[in-house]
Amino acid sequence: MENMSKWNRTWVISLLMAVFISYPNLAWITCDISFIPDAEHAWYMLHFVGRFLYIWATMYVLLWVNFQKLEGKNLVQRLLPTAAVALVAY
C-alpha cells in the first residue's frame, strides 16, 4: 500500500511541477492567440499541449529515478544520475 501511495504522490508532484513550469505560457495564452492567425490556432494549442506533456514526462522520470532507483540520501550521490537523466531529456 505504501508503494502505491508513493506512485500516486510521484504523479501528482510531477503534474504540479509541469503546471508551474508551463504556467507563464498558460497565463499569456489568450494574448498569444490574439496575435496568431486563425489558421494557426490549432497548431499553437497542439504545440503547447505537447510541451506541457514533455515537461510532465521529464519531471515524472526525474522524480521516479530519485524515489525508486537511487538509494543514498546524499545530494552528491543523487546529483550525477539526476543530471544525466536531465541531459538526456533536454
Protein backbone atom coordinates (compact mmCIF):
# COMPACT_ATOMS: atom_id res chain seq x y z
CA MET A 1 0.00 0.00 0.00
CA GLU A 2 2.83 2.38 0.81
CA ASN A 3 4.42 1.77 -2.60
CA MET A 4 1.14 2.66 -4.36
CA SER A 5 0.88 5.84 -2.30
CA LYS A 6 4.41 6.77 -3.33
CA TRP A 7 3.49 6.29 -7.03
CA ASN A 8 0.39 8.46 -6.70
CA ARG A 9 2.38 11.12 -4.93
CA THR A 10 5.01 10.98 -7.70
CA TRP A 11 2.36 11.52 -10.39
CA VAL A 12 0.80 14.43 -8.53
CA ILE A 13 4.13 16.10 -7.81
CA SER A 14 5.25 15.78 -11.43
CA LEU A 15 1.93 17.15 -12.68
CA LEU A 16 2.11 20.14 -10.33
CA MET A 17 5.71 20.86 -11.30
CA ALA A 18 4.79 20.74 -15.00
CA VAL A 19 1.86 23.11 -14.43
CA PHE A 20 4.03 25.62 -12.56
CA ILE A 21 6.78 25.45 -15.18
CA SER A 22 4.34 25.98 -18.05
CA TYR A 23 2.15 28.45 -16.12
CA PRO A 24 3.74 31.62 -17.58
CA ASN A 25 2.90 30.29 -21.04
CA LEU A 26 -0.58 29.35 -19.86
CA ALA A 27 -1.19 32.81 -18.42
CA TRP A 28 -0.33 34.51 -21.74
CA ILE A 29 -2.11 32.03 -24.00
CA THR A 30 -5.05 34.35 -24.72
CA CYS A 31 -2.69 37.18 -25.63
CA ASP A 32 -0.63 34.90 -27.84
CA ILE A 33 -3.70 33.56 -29.62
CA SER A 34 -4.90 37.09 -30.37
CA PHE A 35 -1.73 37.71 -32.43
CA ILE A 36 -1.76 34.36 -34.23
CA PRO A 37 -3.75 34.00 -37.47
CA ASP A 38 -6.91 31.90 -37.14
CA ALA A 39 -5.50 29.12 -39.29
CA GLU A 40 -2.65 28.55 -36.82
CA HIS A 41 -4.64 28.39 -33.54
CA ALA A 42 -4.91 24.60 -33.58
CA TRP A 43 -1.20 24.20 -34.33
CA TYR A 44 -0.30 26.58 -31.48
CA MET A 45 -2.52 24.73 -28.99
CA LEU A 46 -1.13 21.36 -30.12
CA HIS A 47 2.40 22.66 -29.66
CA PHE A 48 1.55 24.00 -26.19
CA VAL A 49 -0.01 20.69 -25.10
CA GLY A 50 3.00 18.82 -26.48
CA ARG A 51 5.42 20.98 -24.49
CA PHE A 52 3.31 20.53 -21.36
CA LEU A 53 3.26 16.73 -21.73
CA TYR A 54 7.00 16.68 -22.42
CA ILE A 55 7.73 18.70 -19.27
CA TRP A 56 5.36 16.47 -17.30
CA ALA A 57 7.05 13.30 -18.51
CA THR A 58 10.51 14.73 -17.80
CA MET A 59 9.55 15.71 -14.25
CA TYR A 60 7.95 12.31 -13.67
CA VAL A 61 11.05 10.45 -14.86
CA LEU A 62 13.33 12.61 -12.72
CA LEU A 63 11.16 12.06 -9.65
CA TRP A 64 10.86 8.34 -10.39
CA VAL A 65 14.64 7.99 -10.68
CA ASN A 66 15.15 9.84 -7.40
CA PHE A 67 12.43 7.97 -5.49
CA GLN A 68 12.81 4.46 -6.87
CA LYS A 69 16.27 3.95 -8.32
CA LEU A 70 18.65 5.97 -6.15
CA GLU A 71 19.33 4.62 -2.69
CA GLY A 72 21.52 7.20 -1.00
CA LYS A 73 20.25 10.25 0.80
CA ASN A 74 23.39 12.22 0.00
CA LEU A 75 22.95 15.03 -2.54
CA VAL A 76 26.24 14.25 -4.28
CA GLN A 77 25.16 10.62 -4.87
CA ARG A 78 21.89 11.79 -6.43
CA LEU A 79 23.27 14.71 -8.42
CA LEU A 80 25.12 12.86 -11.19
CA PRO A 81 22.37 10.35 -12.10
CA THR A 82 19.75 13.10 -11.98
CA ALA A 83 21.90 15.37 -14.15
CA ALA A 84 22.43 12.53 -16.63
CA VAL A 85 18.69 11.92 -16.94
CA ALA A 86 18.03 15.65 -17.33
CA LEU A 87 20.70 15.98 -20.03
CA VAL A 88 19.22 13.08 -21.98
CA ALA A 89 15.75 14.62 -21.70
CA TYR A 90 16.87 18.04 -22.89
